[in-house]
Amino acid sequence: MRSLLSLLSSLCVLLFTLQSANASDLSNYRIGSGDLLSIQVYGEEELSMEVRLSDAGTIPYPFLGELNALGNTVGELTDTIKAGLADGYLINPTVSITVAEYREFFINGEVEEPGGYPYQPGLTLQKAVAIAGGFTERASKTKLFVAREDQNGEPNRVKLNATIQPGDIITIEESFF
C-alpha cells in the first residue's frame, strides 16, 4: 500500500511539472491573425466578448477603438486593455483574456489530406501528419520542413518530434527510395 501511495505521489509531481512547463510555453505564446480571443471584464458584460484577430492583427474594442494585438502575449494585451479602461472609463478593471481558438496550421506535400487544420496545444509534427491522414507511400520521413511566422517564413528542417505552433506551414517532401 505504501509503495502505491509513493507511486501516486510521484505521478502527481510529474503531472504538475509537465503542466507547469506547458503553462509557461503558452504564456510566451504570441497572438496572431486568425486567433479567437475571449476577453472578460469582471462586472462589465458589455466589455466582455469573443473576437477574432483581423488579417492586420487588430481587434475592435469598445471605448479603445482598434487595438494592435499582433505579436503580443495574452498578458501584454491584457495589460493594454486594462490600462486603456483605467484611463477614464473604469476604476481598477479586472481583465482576463484567453485564446478560445488558435489559428490553423497548414500541412502540404506527401500527406494523404494536405490542408489547414485547427491547432491543438501540445501538437507535434507526428501528430500533425496523423491529423492529415498520414504519410503517402512516397513520403520522406527525414525531409520534413516547418516554416514559422516568427522566423520570416523560412523553412527549417525538423524531426518528427518537433513542436508545431499555430500558423506553421509544414512541408513533407518526397523520398527517392
C-alpha atoms as a PDB file:
ATOM      1  CA  MET A   1       0.000   0.000   0.000  1.00  0.00           C
ATOM      2  CA  ARG A   2       2.826   2.367   0.910  1.00  0.00           C
ATOM      3  CA  SER A   3       4.526   1.794  -2.476  1.00  0.00           C
ATOM      4  CA  LEU A   4       1.236   2.514  -4.257  1.00  0.00           C
ATOM      5  CA  LEU A   5       0.917   5.833  -2.402  1.00  0.00           C
ATOM      6  CA  SER A   6       4.529   6.647  -3.243  1.00  0.00           C
ATOM      7  CA  LEU A   7       3.896   5.857  -6.904  1.00  0.00           C
ATOM      8  CA  LEU A   8       0.753   8.013  -6.987  1.00  0.00           C
ATOM      9  CA  SER A   9       2.602  10.855  -5.288  1.00  0.00           C
ATOM     10  CA  SER A  10       5.408  10.645  -7.859  1.00  0.00           C
ATOM     11  CA  LEU A  11       2.896  10.662 -10.713  1.00  0.00           C
ATOM     12  CA  CYS A  12       1.184  13.759  -9.290  1.00  0.00           C
ATOM     13  CA  VAL A  13       4.533  15.569  -9.070  1.00  0.00           C
ATOM     14  CA  LEU A  14       5.348  14.560 -12.654  1.00  0.00           C
ATOM     15  CA  LEU A  15       1.962  15.734 -13.953  1.00  0.00           C
ATOM     16  CA  PHE A  16       2.287  19.046 -12.099  1.00  0.00           C
ATOM     17  CA  THR A  17       5.775  19.545 -13.585  1.00  0.00           C
ATOM     18  CA  LEU A  18       4.511  18.815 -17.110  1.00  0.00           C
ATOM     19  CA  GLN A  19       1.513  21.101 -16.630  1.00  0.00           C
ATOM     20  CA  SER A  20       3.766  23.909 -15.386  1.00  0.00           C
ATOM     21  CA  ALA A  21       6.049  23.515 -18.407  1.00  0.00           C
ATOM     22  CA  ASN A  22       3.079  23.711 -20.784  1.00  0.00           C
ATOM     23  CA  ALA A  23       1.682  26.751 -18.975  1.00  0.00           C
ATOM     24  CA  SER A  24       4.977  28.606 -19.334  1.00  0.00           C
ATOM     25  CA  ASP A  25       5.115  27.721 -23.042  1.00  0.00           C
ATOM     26  CA  LEU A  26       1.643  29.144 -23.540  1.00  0.00           C
ATOM     27  CA  SER A  27       2.379  32.279 -21.528  1.00  0.00           C
ATOM     28  CA  ASN A  28       5.018  33.137 -24.129  1.00  0.00           C
ATOM     29  CA  TYR A  29       2.585  32.443 -26.970  1.00  0.00           C
ATOM     30  CA  ARG A  30       2.410  35.336 -29.433  1.00  0.00           C
ATOM     31  CA  ILE A  31      -1.079  36.193 -30.667  1.00  0.00           C
ATOM     32  CA  GLY A  32      -1.504  36.129 -34.447  1.00  0.00           C
ATOM     33  CA  SER A  33      -4.040  36.820 -37.182  1.00  0.00           C
ATOM     34  CA  GLY A  34      -6.870  34.310 -37.043  1.00  0.00           C
ATOM     35  CA  ASP A  35      -6.721  33.629 -33.287  1.00  0.00           C
ATOM     36  CA  LEU A  36     -10.062  33.871 -31.494  1.00  0.00           C
ATOM     37  CA  LEU A  37      -9.733  35.654 -28.154  1.00  0.00           C
ATOM     38  CA  SER A  38     -12.137  35.577 -25.242  1.00  0.00           C
ATOM     39  CA  ILE A  39     -11.955  38.883 -23.353  1.00  0.00           C
ATOM     40  CA  GLN A  40     -13.702  39.074 -19.978  1.00  0.00           C
ATOM     41  CA  VAL A  41     -14.006  42.235 -17.882  1.00  0.00           C
ATOM     42  CA  TYR A  42     -15.313  41.434 -14.421  1.00  0.00           C
ATOM     43  CA  GLY A  43     -18.671  43.081 -13.791  1.00  0.00           C
ATOM     44  CA  GLU A  44     -18.837  44.629 -17.286  1.00  0.00           C
ATOM     45  CA  GLU A  45     -20.753  42.331 -19.646  1.00  0.00           C
ATOM     46  CA  GLU A  46     -20.796  44.874 -22.490  1.00  0.00           C
ATOM     47  CA  LEU A  47     -16.973  44.918 -22.449  1.00  0.00           C
ATOM     48  CA  SER A  48     -16.693  41.107 -22.452  1.00  0.00           C
ATOM     49  CA  MET A  49     -16.566  39.450 -25.866  1.00  0.00           C
ATOM     50  CA  GLU A  50     -15.059  36.918 -28.210  1.00  0.00           C
ATOM     51  CA  VAL A  51     -13.192  38.478 -31.104  1.00  0.00           C
ATOM     52  CA  ARG A  52     -11.011  37.094 -33.909  1.00  0.00           C
ATOM     53  CA  LEU A  53      -7.843  38.955 -34.871  1.00  0.00           C
ATOM     54  CA  SER A  54      -8.090  40.522 -38.318  1.00  0.00           C
ATOM     55  CA  ASP A  55      -5.558  39.948 -41.095  1.00  0.00           C
ATOM     56  CA  ALA A  56      -3.822  43.079 -39.839  1.00  0.00           C
ATOM     57  CA  GLY A  57      -3.648  41.615 -36.325  1.00  0.00           C
ATOM     58  CA  THR A  58      -6.047  44.101 -34.780  1.00  0.00           C
ATOM     59  CA  ILE A  59      -9.212  43.826 -32.726  1.00  0.00           C
ATOM     60  CA  PRO A  60     -12.021  46.354 -32.329  1.00  0.00           C
ATOM     61  CA  TYR A  61     -12.643  47.134 -28.667  1.00  0.00           C
ATOM     62  CA  PRO A  62     -15.327  49.378 -27.127  1.00  0.00           C
ATOM     63  CA  PHE A  63     -14.047  52.786 -25.967  1.00  0.00           C
ATOM     64  CA  LEU A  64     -10.478  51.960 -27.038  1.00  0.00           C
ATOM     65  CA  GLY A  65     -11.002  51.567 -30.781  1.00  0.00           C
ATOM     66  CA  GLU A  66      -8.828  49.359 -32.965  1.00  0.00           C
ATOM     67  CA  LEU A  67      -6.105  47.680 -30.867  1.00  0.00           C
ATOM     68  CA  ASN A  68      -2.996  46.129 -32.397  1.00  0.00           C
ATOM     69  CA  ALA A  69      -2.686  42.676 -30.804  1.00  0.00           C
ATOM     70  CA  LEU A  70      -0.369  41.053 -33.359  1.00  0.00           C
ATOM     71  CA  GLY A  71       2.739  39.627 -31.715  1.00  0.00           C
ATOM     72  CA  ASN A  72       1.618  40.423 -28.177  1.00  0.00           C
ATOM     73  CA  THR A  73       1.336  37.796 -25.480  1.00  0.00           C
ATOM     74  CA  VAL A  74      -2.024  37.359 -23.780  1.00  0.00           C
ATOM     75  CA  GLY A  75      -0.544  39.099 -20.730  1.00  0.00           C
ATOM     76  CA  GLU A  76       0.629  42.101 -22.755  1.00  0.00           C
ATOM     77  CA  LEU A  77      -2.781  42.514 -24.406  1.00  0.00           C
ATOM     78  CA  THR A  78      -4.470  42.156 -21.011  1.00  0.00           C
ATOM     79  CA  ASP A  79      -2.277  44.968 -19.654  1.00  0.00           C
ATOM     80  CA  THR A  80      -3.063  47.172 -22.691  1.00  0.00           C
ATOM     81  CA  ILE A  81      -6.822  46.768 -22.293  1.00  0.00           C
ATOM     82  CA  LYS A  82      -6.653  47.158 -18.517  1.00  0.00           C
ATOM     83  CA  ALA A  83      -4.622  50.382 -18.824  1.00  0.00           C
ATOM     84  CA  GLY A  84      -6.958  51.744 -21.523  1.00  0.00           C
ATOM     85  CA  LEU A  85     -10.068  51.057 -19.463  1.00  0.00           C
ATOM     86  CA  ALA A  86      -8.481  52.502 -16.306  1.00  0.00           C
ATOM     87  CA  ASP A  87      -7.739  55.725 -18.201  1.00  0.00           C
ATOM     88  CA  GLY A  88     -11.084  57.409 -17.622  1.00  0.00           C
ATOM     89  CA  TYR A  89     -13.563  54.537 -18.057  1.00  0.00           C
ATOM     90  CA  LEU A  90     -13.325  52.124 -15.103  1.00  0.00           C
ATOM     91  CA  ILE A  91     -11.731  52.151 -11.675  1.00  0.00           C
ATOM     92  CA  ASN A  92      -9.291  49.245 -11.304  1.00  0.00           C
ATOM     93  CA  PRO A  93     -10.727  46.976 -14.052  1.00  0.00           C
ATOM     94  CA  THR A  94     -10.182  43.230 -13.824  1.00  0.00           C
ATOM     95  CA  VAL A  95      -9.449  41.895 -17.312  1.00  0.00           C
ATOM     96  CA  SER A  96      -8.953  38.256 -18.289  1.00  0.00           C
ATOM     97  CA  ILE A  97      -8.047  37.107 -21.803  1.00  0.00           C
ATOM     98  CA  THR A  98      -7.759  33.560 -23.108  1.00  0.00           C
ATOM     99  CA  VAL A  99      -7.177  32.127 -26.567  1.00  0.00           C
ATOM    100  CA  ALA A 100     -10.510  30.437 -27.302  1.00  0.00           C
ATOM    101  CA  GLU A 101      -9.360  29.090 -30.672  1.00  0.00           C
ATOM    102  CA  TYR A 102      -5.867  29.116 -32.158  1.00  0.00           C
ATOM    103  CA  ARG A 103      -5.223  29.877 -35.815  1.00  0.00           C
ATOM    104  CA  GLU A 104      -4.761  26.921 -38.137  1.00  0.00           C
ATOM    105  CA  PHE A 105      -1.531  25.171 -39.044  1.00  0.00           C
ATOM    106  CA  PHE A 106      -1.028  24.045 -42.640  1.00  0.00           C
ATOM    107  CA  ILE A 107       0.474  20.845 -43.988  1.00  0.00           C
ATOM    108  CA  ASN A 108       1.336  20.111 -47.608  1.00  0.00           C
ATOM    109  CA  GLY A 109       3.371  17.686 -49.658  1.00  0.00           C
ATOM    110  CA  GLU A 110       3.348  13.940 -49.188  1.00  0.00           C
ATOM    111  CA  VAL A 111       0.427  13.502 -46.783  1.00  0.00           C
ATOM    112  CA  GLU A 112      -2.920  11.923 -47.608  1.00  0.00           C
ATOM    113  CA  GLU A 113      -5.018  15.052 -46.940  1.00  0.00           C
ATOM    114  CA  PRO A 114      -2.986  18.267 -47.217  1.00  0.00           C
ATOM    115  CA  GLY A 115      -4.634  21.469 -45.999  1.00  0.00           C
ATOM    116  CA  GLY A 116      -5.282  23.672 -42.998  1.00  0.00           C
ATOM    117  CA  TYR A 117      -6.227  22.157 -39.646  1.00  0.00           C
ATOM    118  CA  PRO A 118      -7.202  23.554 -36.249  1.00  0.00           C
ATOM    119  CA  TYR A 119      -4.234  23.837 -33.908  1.00  0.00           C
ATOM    120  CA  GLN A 120      -4.283  21.888 -30.652  1.00  0.00           C
ATOM    121  CA  PRO A 121      -1.906  22.685 -27.767  1.00  0.00           C
ATOM    122  CA  GLY A 122       0.854  20.076 -27.494  1.00  0.00           C
ATOM    123  CA  LEU A 123       0.863  19.404 -31.248  1.00  0.00           C
ATOM    124  CA  THR A 124       3.947  17.705 -32.704  1.00  0.00           C
ATOM    125  CA  LEU A 125       4.827  17.105 -36.338  1.00  0.00           C
ATOM    126  CA  GLN A 126       3.996  13.414 -35.956  1.00  0.00           C
ATOM    127  CA  LYS A 127       0.519  14.275 -34.630  1.00  0.00           C
ATOM    128  CA  ALA A 128       0.019  16.828 -37.428  1.00  0.00           C
ATOM    129  CA  VAL A 129       0.826  14.156 -40.028  1.00  0.00           C
ATOM    130  CA  ALA A 130      -1.682  11.819 -38.374  1.00  0.00           C
ATOM    131  CA  ILE A 131      -4.358  14.553 -38.465  1.00  0.00           C
ATOM    132  CA  ALA A 132      -3.663  14.942 -42.197  1.00  0.00           C
ATOM    133  CA  GLY A 133      -4.316  11.236 -42.808  1.00  0.00           C
ATOM    134  CA  GLY A 134      -0.722  10.009 -42.516  1.00  0.00           C
ATOM    135  CA  PHE A 135       2.189   9.865 -44.930  1.00  0.00           C
ATOM    136  CA  THR A 136       1.732   8.852 -48.562  1.00  0.00           C
ATOM    137  CA  GLU A 137       3.736   5.880 -49.857  1.00  0.00           C
ATOM    138  CA  ARG A 138       6.311   8.249 -51.371  1.00  0.00           C
ATOM    139  CA  ALA A 139       6.778  10.447 -48.299  1.00  0.00           C
ATOM    140  CA  SER A 140      10.226  11.018 -46.887  1.00  0.00           C
ATOM    141  CA  LYS A 141      10.449  10.562 -43.121  1.00  0.00           C
ATOM    142  CA  THR A 142      13.558  12.771 -42.988  1.00  0.00           C
ATOM    143  CA  LYS A 143      12.831  15.618 -45.433  1.00  0.00           C
ATOM    144  CA  LEU A 144      10.433  17.419 -43.122  1.00  0.00           C
ATOM    145  CA  PHE A 145      10.282  21.218 -43.061  1.00  0.00           C
ATOM    146  CA  VAL A 146       8.438  23.796 -40.970  1.00  0.00           C
ATOM    147  CA  ALA A 147       8.082  27.466 -41.937  1.00  0.00           C
ATOM    148  CA  ARG A 148       7.284  29.572 -38.888  1.00  0.00           C
ATOM    149  CA  GLU A 149       5.789  33.078 -38.951  1.00  0.00           C
ATOM    150  CA  ASP A 150       8.213  34.416 -36.345  1.00  0.00           C
ATOM    151  CA  GLN A 151      11.167  33.211 -38.437  1.00  0.00           C
ATOM    152  CA  ASN A 152      10.131  35.168 -41.557  1.00  0.00           C
ATOM    153  CA  GLY A 153       8.596  32.069 -43.107  1.00  0.00           C
ATOM    154  CA  GLU A 154      11.967  30.453 -43.830  1.00  0.00           C
ATOM    155  CA  PRO A 155      11.536  26.655 -43.797  1.00  0.00           C
ATOM    156  CA  ASN A 156      13.719  24.744 -41.326  1.00  0.00           C
ATOM    157  CA  ARG A 157      14.402  21.036 -41.430  1.00  0.00           C
ATOM    158  CA  VAL A 158      12.887  19.309 -38.390  1.00  0.00           C
ATOM    159  CA  LYS A 159      12.316  15.853 -36.933  1.00  0.00           C
ATOM    160  CA  LEU A 160       9.001  14.083 -36.319  1.00  0.00           C
ATOM    161  CA  ASN A 161       9.008  15.062 -32.634  1.00  0.00           C
ATOM    162  CA  ALA A 162       9.252  18.812 -33.446  1.00  0.00           C
ATOM    163  CA  THR A 163       6.698  21.064 -31.773  1.00  0.00           C
ATOM    164  CA  ILE A 164       4.189  22.683 -34.118  1.00  0.00           C
ATOM    165  CA  GLN A 165       2.773  26.153 -33.444  1.00  0.00           C
ATOM    166  CA  PRO A 166      -0.341  27.906 -34.757  1.00  0.00           C
ATOM    167  CA  GLY A 167       0.238  29.327 -38.230  1.00  0.00           C
ATOM    168  CA  ASP A 168       3.114  26.938 -39.038  1.00  0.00           C
ATOM    169  CA  ILE A 169       3.403  25.636 -42.585  1.00  0.00           C
ATOM    170  CA  ILE A 170       4.637  22.048 -42.737  1.00  0.00           C
ATOM    171  CA  THR A 171       6.074  20.536 -45.914  1.00  0.00           C
ATOM    172  CA  ILE A 172       6.672  16.801 -46.290  1.00  0.00           C
ATOM    173  CA  GLU A 173       8.906  16.098 -49.283  1.00  0.00           C
ATOM    174  CA  GLU A 174       9.027  13.047 -51.481  1.00  0.00           C
ATOM    175  CA  SER A 175      11.516  10.235 -50.859  1.00  0.00           C
ATOM    176  CA  PHE A 176      13.502   8.856 -53.762  1.00  0.00           C
ATOM    177  CA  PHE A 177      13.961   5.413 -52.236  1.00  0.00           C
END
